[in-house]
Amino acid sequence: MKLAVLISFLLLGCASYQSKVAPTKNYLKSKDCLKAIETISKLSQPTGVDQLALLMEHGTTLQICEQYSLSTQVFSQAEDLAETKDYLSVSEVAAATLTSEGMMTYKGDTFEKLFLNASKALNYLEEKNTDSALVEVRKMNQKFSKFKNEERKNYELNSFSKYLSGIIWESTGQFDDACIDYKDAYFTATQFRDVGIQMLATCWNAQRVDEFNTLVKKINATNEEIQQAKSSKSKSEIVIVYLQGWGPQKLENPGSPTFPYLVNVFNLTQKLKIDLHEQEKETANKSFSSETIYSVADASRASLAADQSSLIARRIGARVAKHVVAKQIGDKDPLLGLVALVGMVVSDRADLRQWSFLPNSIQIIRIPVNPGRYKLQLNGVGYDNQTTETFNDVNLNVDKRQKVIHMVRSVL
């Protein structure tokens, strides 16, 4: 009887990370920002092994709720924590061996660490603070170079961080830097054609003619794409960065509860549609639809898959260690040894921590415009191209040769 009570207590105590953050996500989906912020704030402030993940969720919650300055502060706190906690203590490893992986401090995946600076840069752009956004660009580039030198895989390098760097350099007229970053973005994830076109445009605008011609051949650019690249410098442009839905969620593998697996989250909204109105015209000049330039979902899956072999080895070693410790206890008290073994086995659950409030994908709409005032009507659309989500209209004043960057996040 005592054994059954103890096992029940241990099971009840194993509340998963996902269950902790689920209420905040539900409040965000229902667009109750007050409740969402209040709930995640309480979770993220206490220090502990989950704090980095919770701070990233907190910063994202504030960003979704358009509290950009506070969001940046929380993301900065998370970034500092990620840098100071990039190690595992002996005591944590020992605790994880006898219990579960969740007893170790969460350090964040490589692509998540780059996303911290990208998220801060997006906040600064919303506040029209380009100088601070450029500071984040430099941090992203330093991290990217460090990770590249460490021979990290492409999915870890987060091509979106480089694409965003390219946009920001481009918006300040620094085409040489933009060319370099768009190249890194494209050759890290060559499946996204739009990234390659921006690479061509900025390399041409940087007067890197020989490199431009080489890249044209390398990506098999069409005549239309070549002309588009060559004519881009003189144009003003509206750039919409669309963060689509929710990325896949870590859950316990039904066949082996000590291992996590990723489950797709159903996202009602798949694309962003924009109806562009010039000045006071009542009818839309033209409609535009978003195109994917980065898949957070793919990066999450690749990161988890790459960790499987080492995770299997760690859990096999942990199971052996549990039996050794239980035997040592059982030599003195057989019942206590059995209780200890059951407790250690029951506590060994999958580590479900992740930056779970990240979007499913990053999509872009780039609209060449003449200088002037514009109203953008924004709607999310689903698989059937029917409206699934509406957003507030956006009014923009675009100057000559200016790039205006705006962020949109869907939550349905």
Protein backbone atom coordinates (compact mmCIF):
# COMPACT_ATOMS: atom_id res chain seq x y z
CA MET A 1 0.00 0.00 0.00
CA LYS A 2 2.77 2.40 0.95
CA LEU A 3 4.55 1.54 -2.29
CA ALA A 4 1.43 2.33 -4.36
CA VAL A 5 1.00 5.67 -2.60
CA LEU A 6 4.63 6.58 -3.27
CA ILE A 7 4.36 5.67 -6.95
CA SER A 8 1.18 7.76 -7.30
CA PHE A 9 2.92 10.71 -5.64
CA LEU A 10 5.87 10.46 -8.02
CA LEU A 11 3.62 10.27 -11.06
CA LEU A 12 1.65 13.32 -9.95
CA GLY A 13 4.90 15.20 -9.40
CA CYS A 14 6.07 14.62 -12.97
CA ALA A 15 4.16 17.51 -14.51
CA SER A 16 5.59 18.01 -17.99
CA TYR A 17 7.01 21.24 -19.31
CA GLN A 18 4.33 21.34 -22.00
CA SER A 19 1.55 21.16 -19.41
CA LYS A 20 3.10 24.14 -17.61
CA VAL A 21 3.08 26.42 -20.65
CA ALA A 22 -0.17 25.19 -22.21
CA PRO A 23 -2.41 27.71 -20.35
CA THR A 24 -0.35 30.64 -21.66
CA LYS A 25 -0.56 29.35 -25.22
CA ASN A 26 -4.33 28.91 -24.89
CA TYR A 27 -4.69 32.50 -23.64
CA LEU A 28 -2.66 33.71 -26.65
CA LYS A 29 -4.86 31.74 -29.04
CA SER A 30 -7.93 33.39 -27.50
CA LYS A 31 -6.09 36.76 -27.67
CA ASP A 32 -6.29 37.32 -23.91
CA CYS A 33 -2.92 39.00 -23.54
CA LEU A 34 -3.42 40.10 -19.93
CA LYS A 35 -3.90 36.51 -18.74
CA ALA A 36 -1.17 35.16 -21.03
CA ILE A 37 1.44 37.61 -19.74
CA GLU A 38 0.40 37.17 -16.12
CA THR A 39 0.60 33.37 -16.36
CA ILE A 40 3.98 33.10 -18.09
CA SER A 41 5.53 35.87 -15.95
CA LYS A 42 4.97 33.82 -12.82
CA LEU A 43 6.56 30.77 -14.40
CA SER A 44 9.64 32.44 -15.87
CA GLN A 45 10.92 34.44 -12.92
CA PRO A 46 12.03 31.74 -10.44
CA THR A 47 15.50 30.41 -11.16
CA GLY A 48 15.70 26.74 -12.03
CA VAL A 49 16.62 24.26 -14.73
CA ASP A 50 13.67 25.32 -16.95
CA GLN A 51 14.20 29.07 -16.73
CA LEU A 52 15.83 29.62 -20.12
CA ALA A 53 12.99 27.90 -21.98
CA LEU A 54 10.40 29.78 -19.90
CA LEU A 55 12.08 33.14 -20.52
CA MET A 56 12.00 32.48 -24.27
CA GLU A 57 8.26 31.71 -24.01
CA HIS A 58 7.79 34.87 -21.91
CA GLY A 59 9.60 37.07 -24.44
CA THR A 60 7.54 35.59 -27.29
CA THR A 61 4.31 36.15 -25.36
CA LEU A 62 5.16 39.83 -24.91
CA GLN A 63 6.11 40.11 -28.59
CA ILE A 64 2.82 38.58 -29.72
CA CYS A 65 1.05 41.04 -27.43
CA GLU A 66 3.01 43.91 -29.05
CA GLN A 67 4.87 44.87 -25.88
CA TYR A 68 8.12 45.07 -27.79
CA SER A 69 10.32 46.88 -25.27
CA LEU A 70 9.46 44.45 -22.45
CA SER A 71 9.84 41.55 -24.85
CA THR A 72 13.37 42.69 -25.72
CA GLN A 73 14.27 42.92 -22.03
CA VAL A 74 13.14 39.35 -21.41
CA PHE A 75 14.89 38.04 -24.53
CA SER A 76 18.09 39.76 -23.33
CA GLN A 77 17.73 38.05 -19.97
CA ALA A 78 17.32 34.73 -21.79
CA GLU A 79 20.36 35.42 -23.97
CA ASP A 80 22.52 36.20 -20.94
CA LEU A 81 21.32 33.03 -19.25
CA ALA A 82 22.03 30.94 -22.36
CA GLU A 83 25.62 32.20 -22.39
CA THR A 84 26.27 31.70 -18.67
CA LYS A 85 24.56 28.28 -18.47
CA ASP A 86 26.23 26.71 -21.50
CA TYR A 87 27.62 23.86 -19.41
CA LEU A 88 26.43 20.96 -17.25
CA SER A 89 27.43 20.60 -13.60
CA VAL A 90 28.47 17.24 -12.18
CA SER A 91 25.57 17.31 -9.72
CA GLU A 92 23.04 17.92 -12.50
CA VAL A 93 24.41 15.05 -14.58
CA ALA A 94 24.23 12.76 -11.53
CA ALA A 95 20.65 13.83 -10.78
CA ALA A 96 19.63 13.31 -14.42
CA THR A 97 21.22 9.86 -14.42
CA LEU A 98 19.15 8.75 -11.42
CA THR A 99 15.96 10.56 -12.45
CA SER A 100 15.38 12.14 -15.90
CA GLU A 101 16.96 14.43 -18.50
CA GLY A 102 14.71 17.22 -17.26
CA MET A 103 16.86 17.56 -14.14
CA MET A 104 19.62 19.17 -16.22
CA THR A 105 19.61 22.88 -17.01
CA TYR A 106 18.00 23.57 -20.38
CA LYS A 107 20.65 25.14 -22.62
CA GLY A 108 18.63 25.71 -25.79
CA ASP A 109 19.22 24.41 -29.30
CA THR A 110 21.68 26.24 -31.54
CA PHE A 111 18.98 27.54 -33.88
CA GLU A 112 17.06 28.84 -30.83
CA LYS A 113 20.06 30.85 -29.65
CA LEU A 114 20.24 32.58 -33.03
CA PHE A 115 16.50 33.14 -32.90
CA LEU A 116 16.88 35.12 -29.67
CA ASN A 117 18.80 37.85 -31.51
CA ALA A 118 16.50 37.67 -34.52
CA SER A 119 13.51 38.17 -32.20
CA LYS A 120 15.15 41.16 -30.55
CA ALA A 121 15.96 42.64 -33.97
CA LEU A 122 12.32 42.28 -35.03
CA ASN A 123 11.22 44.07 -31.85
CA TYR A 124 13.59 46.96 -32.57
CA LEU A 125 12.34 47.21 -36.15
CA GLU A 126 8.78 47.50 -34.87
CA GLU A 127 9.96 50.39 -32.70
CA LYS A 128 11.76 51.99 -35.72
CA ASN A 129 15.09 51.56 -33.92
CA THR A 130 17.32 50.46 -36.79
CA ASP A 131 20.58 51.15 -34.91
CA SER A 132 19.69 48.67 -32.16
CA ALA A 133 18.48 46.17 -34.76
CA LEU A 134 21.94 46.41 -36.39
CA VAL A 135 23.55 45.62 -33.02
CA GLU A 136 21.54 42.37 -32.98
CA VAL A 137 22.61 41.72 -36.59
CA ARG A 138 26.25 41.87 -35.54
CA LYS A 139 25.59 39.53 -32.61
CA MET A 140 23.81 37.09 -34.93
CA ASN A 141 26.69 37.19 -37.37
CA GLN A 142 29.24 36.57 -34.60
CA LYS A 143 27.26 33.57 -33.34
CA PHE A 144 26.71 32.29 -36.88
CA SER A 145 30.45 32.43 -37.61
CA LYS A 146 31.26 30.72 -34.31
CA PHE A 147 28.77 27.92 -34.93
CA LYS A 148 29.95 27.55 -38.53
CA ASN A 149 33.56 27.22 -37.36
CA GLU A 150 32.38 24.53 -34.96
CA GLU A 151 31.05 22.72 -38.04
CA ARG A 152 27.44 22.79 -36.89
CA LYS A 153 24.90 21.37 -39.32
CA ASN A 154 22.93 23.67 -41.63
CA TYR A 155 19.66 23.17 -39.73
CA GLU A 156 21.41 24.44 -36.58
CA LEU A 157 22.64 27.61 -38.28
CA ASN A 158 19.16 29.14 -38.65
CA SER A 159 19.18 30.67 -42.13
CA PHE A 160 16.44 33.10 -41.08
CA SER A 161 18.92 34.94 -38.86
CA LYS A 162 21.06 35.60 -41.93
CA TYR A 163 18.07 36.51 -44.10
CA LEU A 164 16.90 39.05 -41.52
CA SER A 165 20.45 40.42 -41.33
CA GLY A 166 20.35 40.85 -45.09
CA ILE A 167 17.05 42.75 -44.96
CA ILE A 168 18.36 45.14 -42.30
CA TRP A 169 21.67 45.79 -44.08
CA GLU A 170 19.71 46.33 -47.29
CA SER A 171 17.34 48.79 -45.59
CA THR A 172 20.32 50.91 -44.55
CA GLY A 173 21.89 50.83 -48.01
CA GLN A 174 24.78 48.57 -46.98
CA PHE A 175 24.47 46.27 -49.97
CA ASP A 176 27.86 44.63 -49.61
CA ASP A 177 26.99 43.32 -46.14
CA ALA A 178 23.51 42.39 -47.36
CA CYS A 179 24.99 40.40 -50.25
CA ILE A 180 27.21 38.41 -47.87
CA ASP A 181 24.37 37.61 -45.46
CA TYR A 182 21.86 36.68 -48.15
CA LYS A 183 24.49 34.32 -49.60
CA ASP A 184 24.89 32.62 -46.21
CA ALA A 185 21.11 32.41 -45.88
CA TYR A 186 20.60 30.92 -49.34
CA PHE A 187 23.40 28.37 -49.27
CA THR A 188 22.32 27.27 -45.79
CA ALA A 189 18.80 26.53 -47.09
CA THR A 190 18.82 26.44 -50.88
CA GLN A 191 15.22 25.22 -51.13
CA PHE A 192 13.89 28.76 -50.65
CA ARG A 193 14.08 30.46 -54.05
CA ASP A 194 13.11 33.94 -52.87
CA VAL A 195 16.24 34.06 -50.71
CA GLY A 196 18.36 33.43 -53.80
CA ILE A 197 16.69 36.28 -55.69
CA GLN A 198 17.45 38.73 -52.87
CA MET A 199 21.03 37.47 -52.86
CA LEU A 200 21.33 38.35 -56.56
CA ALA A 201 19.76 41.78 -56.08
CA THR A 202 22.05 42.90 -53.27
CA CYS A 203 25.20 41.48 -54.87
CA TRP A 204 24.34 43.45 -58.03
CA ASN A 205 23.60 46.59 -56.01
CA ALA A 206 26.95 46.14 -54.22
CA GLN A 207 28.60 46.20 -57.69
CA ARG A 208 29.99 42.70 -57.20
CA VAL A 209 29.47 42.03 -60.89
CA ASP A 210 31.73 38.99 -61.29
CA GLU A 211 30.20 37.38 -58.20
CA PHE A 212 26.73 38.23 -59.47
CA ASN A 213 27.41 36.47 -62.78
CA THR A 214 28.79 33.44 -60.96
CA LEU A 215 25.73 33.26 -58.71
CA VAL A 216 23.36 33.63 -61.66
CA LYS A 217 24.85 30.48 -63.17
CA LYS A 218 24.99 28.67 -59.84
CA ILE A 219 21.27 29.07 -59.13
CA ASN A 220 20.19 28.94 -62.80
CA ALA A 221 18.48 32.32 -62.59
CA THR A 222 15.92 33.11 -65.27
CA ASN A 223 16.06 36.25 -67.41
CA GLU A 224 13.12 37.63 -65.47
CA GLU A 225 14.90 37.03 -62.14
CA ILE A 226 18.07 38.66 -63.45
CA GLN A 227 16.18 41.78 -64.57
CA GLN A 228 14.30 41.86 -61.26
CA ALA A 229 17.61 41.81 -59.38
CA LYS A 230 19.19 44.52 -61.53
CA SER A 231 16.27 46.92 -61.14
CA SER A 232 15.79 46.58 -57.38
CA LYS A 233 18.02 49.40 -56.13
CA SER A 234 15.86 52.27 -57.32
CA LYS A 235 12.65 50.92 -55.78
CA SER A 236 10.99 51.54 -52.46
CA GLU A 237 9.69 48.40 -50.79
CA ILE A 238 7.38 47.15 -48.05
CA VAL A 239 8.71 43.99 -46.40
CA ILE A 240 6.33 41.96 -44.25
CA VAL A 241 7.90 39.33 -41.98
CA TYR A 242 5.13 36.86 -41.20
CA LEU A 243 5.55 34.42 -38.30
CA GLN A 244 3.09 31.63 -39.06
CA GLY A 245 1.35 29.61 -36.38
CA TRP A 246 2.96 27.30 -33.84
CA GLY A 247 5.85 24.91 -34.35
CA PRO A 248 5.65 21.18 -33.54
CA GLN A 249 5.38 20.22 -29.88
CA LYS A 250 7.47 17.72 -27.95
CA LEU A 251 5.47 14.90 -26.39
CA GLU A 252 6.36 11.59 -24.78
CA ASN A 253 6.81 8.81 -27.28
CA PRO A 254 3.89 6.41 -26.61
CA GLY A 255 6.11 3.40 -27.24
CA SER A 256 8.97 4.65 -25.04
CA PRO A 257 8.04 7.38 -22.51
CA THR A 258 11.66 8.25 -21.76
CA PHE A 259 12.09 9.64 -25.28
CA PRO A 260 10.41 12.72 -26.78
CA TYR A 261 9.00 12.99 -30.26
CA LEU A 262 7.59 15.92 -32.18
CA VAL A 263 3.91 16.21 -33.01
CA ASN A 264 2.65 18.73 -35.53
CA VAL A 265 0.38 21.40 -34.12
CA PHE A 266 -2.67 22.06 -36.28
CA ASN A 267 -2.42 25.60 -37.60
CA LEU A 268 -5.60 26.97 -39.11
CA THR A 269 -3.76 29.86 -40.77
CA GLN A 270 -1.24 28.84 -43.42
CA LYS A 271 -0.50 32.02 -45.36
CA LEU A 272 -0.80 35.77 -45.03
CA LYS A 273 -2.68 37.70 -47.68
CA ILE A 274 -2.29 41.44 -48.12
CA ASP A 275 -4.55 43.82 -50.02
CA LEU A 276 -2.56 46.97 -50.75
CA HIS A 277 -4.35 50.33 -50.87
CA GLU A 278 -2.54 53.42 -52.08
CA GLN A 279 -3.33 56.62 -50.16
CA GLU A 280 -7.09 57.10 -49.93
CA LYS A 281 -8.14 54.77 -52.73
CA GLU A 282 -11.01 52.53 -51.69
CA THR A 283 -10.16 49.58 -53.91
CA ALA A 284 -7.02 47.51 -53.48
CA ASN A 285 -4.22 48.17 -55.95
CA LYS A 286 -3.06 44.58 -55.77
CA SER A 287 -3.09 41.48 -53.55
CA PHE A 288 -0.02 39.63 -52.32
CA SER A 289 0.55 36.28 -50.61
CA SER A 290 3.39 35.20 -48.32
CA GLU A 291 6.14 32.75 -49.26
CA THR A 292 8.10 30.58 -46.83
CA ILE A 293 11.79 31.40 -46.38
CA TYR A 294 12.50 29.36 -43.21
CA SER A 295 10.93 26.34 -41.53
CA VAL A 296 11.20 26.30 -37.74
CA ALA A 297 9.43 22.95 -37.79
CA ASP A 298 12.12 21.37 -39.96
CA ALA A 299 14.90 22.75 -37.75
CA SER A 300 13.18 21.37 -34.64
CA ARG A 301 12.81 17.92 -36.16
CA ALA A 302 16.38 17.80 -37.40
CA SER A 303 17.74 18.90 -34.00
CA LEU A 304 15.76 16.23 -32.17
CA ALA A 305 16.70 13.52 -34.66
CA ALA A 306 20.40 14.37 -34.35
CA ASP A 307 20.23 14.01 -30.56
CA GLN A 308 18.58 10.58 -30.60
CA SER A 309 21.70 8.40 -30.63
CA SER A 310 23.36 10.22 -27.73
CA LEU A 311 20.06 10.32 -25.83
CA ILE A 312 19.65 6.55 -26.22
CA ALA A 313 23.16 5.97 -24.91
CA ARG A 314 22.56 8.27 -21.93
CA ARG A 315 19.28 6.60 -20.97
CA ILE A 316 20.74 3.10 -21.24
CA GLY A 317 23.55 4.18 -18.93
CA ALA A 318 21.02 5.77 -16.60
CA ARG A 319 18.94 2.61 -16.39
CA VAL A 320 22.04 0.59 -15.43
CA ALA A 321 22.99 3.19 -12.79
CA LYS A 322 19.48 3.07 -11.29
CA HIS A 323 19.69 -0.70 -10.84
CA VAL A 324 23.15 -0.42 -9.26
CA VAL A 325 21.99 2.19 -6.75
CA ALA A 326 18.80 0.25 -5.97
CA LYS A 327 20.81 -2.92 -5.36
CA GLN A 328 23.13 -1.09 -2.98
CA ILE A 329 20.12 0.15 -1.02
CA GLY A 330 18.42 -3.26 -1.23
CA ASP A 331 21.43 -5.00 0.30
CA LYS A 332 20.56 -3.20 3.53
CA ASP A 333 16.77 -3.05 3.17
CA PRO A 334 15.15 -5.06 0.32
CA LEU A 335 11.82 -3.18 0.49
CA LEU A 336 13.53 0.21 0.47
CA GLY A 337 15.66 -0.91 -2.47
CA LEU A 338 12.54 -1.89 -4.40
CA VAL A 339 10.87 1.43 -3.55
CA ALA A 340 13.99 3.30 -4.66
CA LEU A 341 14.13 1.44 -7.97
CA VAL A 342 10.44 2.01 -8.69
CA GLY A 343 10.79 5.70 -7.82
CA MET A 344 13.81 6.20 -10.08
CA VAL A 345 12.19 4.35 -12.98
CA VAL A 346 8.88 6.21 -12.61
CA SER A 347 10.67 9.57 -12.57
CA ASP A 348 12.53 8.81 -15.82
CA ARG A 349 10.37 10.69 -18.31
CA ALA A 350 11.06 12.33 -21.63
CA ASP A 351 12.52 15.83 -21.59
CA LEU A 352 9.83 17.91 -23.28
CA ARG A 353 11.47 21.30 -22.95
CA GLN A 354 11.79 23.46 -26.04
CA TRP A 355 11.05 26.99 -27.20
CA SER A 356 7.52 25.89 -27.93
CA PHE A 357 6.05 29.32 -28.73
CA LEU A 358 8.19 29.68 -31.84
CA PRO A 359 6.22 29.88 -35.10
CA ASN A 360 5.91 26.96 -37.48
CA SER A 361 7.50 28.89 -40.35
CA ILE A 362 8.80 32.31 -41.32
CA GLN A 363 7.21 33.75 -44.43
CA ILE A 364 7.88 36.93 -46.37
CA ILE A 365 5.92 39.34 -48.53
CA ARG A 366 8.04 41.89 -50.41
CA ILE A 367 6.08 44.60 -52.19
CA PRO A 368 7.83 47.11 -54.52
CA VAL A 369 6.02 50.44 -54.26
CA ASN A 370 6.32 54.05 -55.25
CA PRO A 371 6.93 56.56 -52.45
CA GLY A 372 3.65 57.40 -50.74
CA ARG A 373 1.14 56.46 -48.06
CA TYR A 374 -0.34 52.97 -48.00
CA LYS A 375 -2.92 50.99 -46.09
CA LEU A 376 -2.42 47.24 -45.82
CA GLN A 377 -5.39 44.99 -45.12
CA LEU A 378 -4.08 41.76 -43.61
CA ASN A 379 -5.86 38.42 -43.51
CA GLY A 380 -4.71 34.93 -42.64
CA VAL A 381 -5.86 32.23 -45.03
CA GLY A 382 -6.06 28.44 -44.66
CA TYR A 383 -5.46 25.50 -46.96
CA ASP A 384 -8.59 26.34 -48.96
CA ASN A 385 -7.54 30.00 -49.33
CA GLN A 386 -10.46 31.07 -47.14
CA THR A 387 -9.98 33.71 -44.44
CA THR A 388 -9.07 32.18 -41.07
CA GLU A 389 -7.74 35.14 -39.12
CA THR A 390 -7.95 38.92 -39.36
CA PHE A 391 -5.38 41.47 -38.27
CA ASN A 392 -5.48 45.21 -37.71
CA ASP A 393 -4.91 47.32 -40.81
CA VAL A 394 -1.39 48.70 -41.13
CA ASN A 395 -0.78 52.26 -42.33
CA LEU A 396 2.68 52.98 -43.70
CA ASN A 397 4.42 56.03 -45.12
CA VAL A 398 7.14 54.98 -47.57
CA ASP A 399 9.85 57.40 -48.67
CA LYS A 400 11.97 57.30 -51.81
CA ARG A 401 14.19 54.18 -51.95
CA GLN A 402 13.09 53.22 -48.43
CA LYS A 403 12.45 49.72 -47.15
CA VAL A 404 9.75 49.58 -44.48
CA ILE A 405 9.79 46.36 -42.43
CA HIS A 406 6.80 45.15 -40.44
CA MET A 407 6.19 41.96 -38.44
CA VAL A 408 2.94 39.97 -38.25
CA ARG A 409 2.28 36.87 -36.08
CA SER A 410 -0.64 34.49 -36.42
CA VAL A 411 -1.84 32.46 -33.42
CA LEU A 412 -4.58 30.28 -34.92
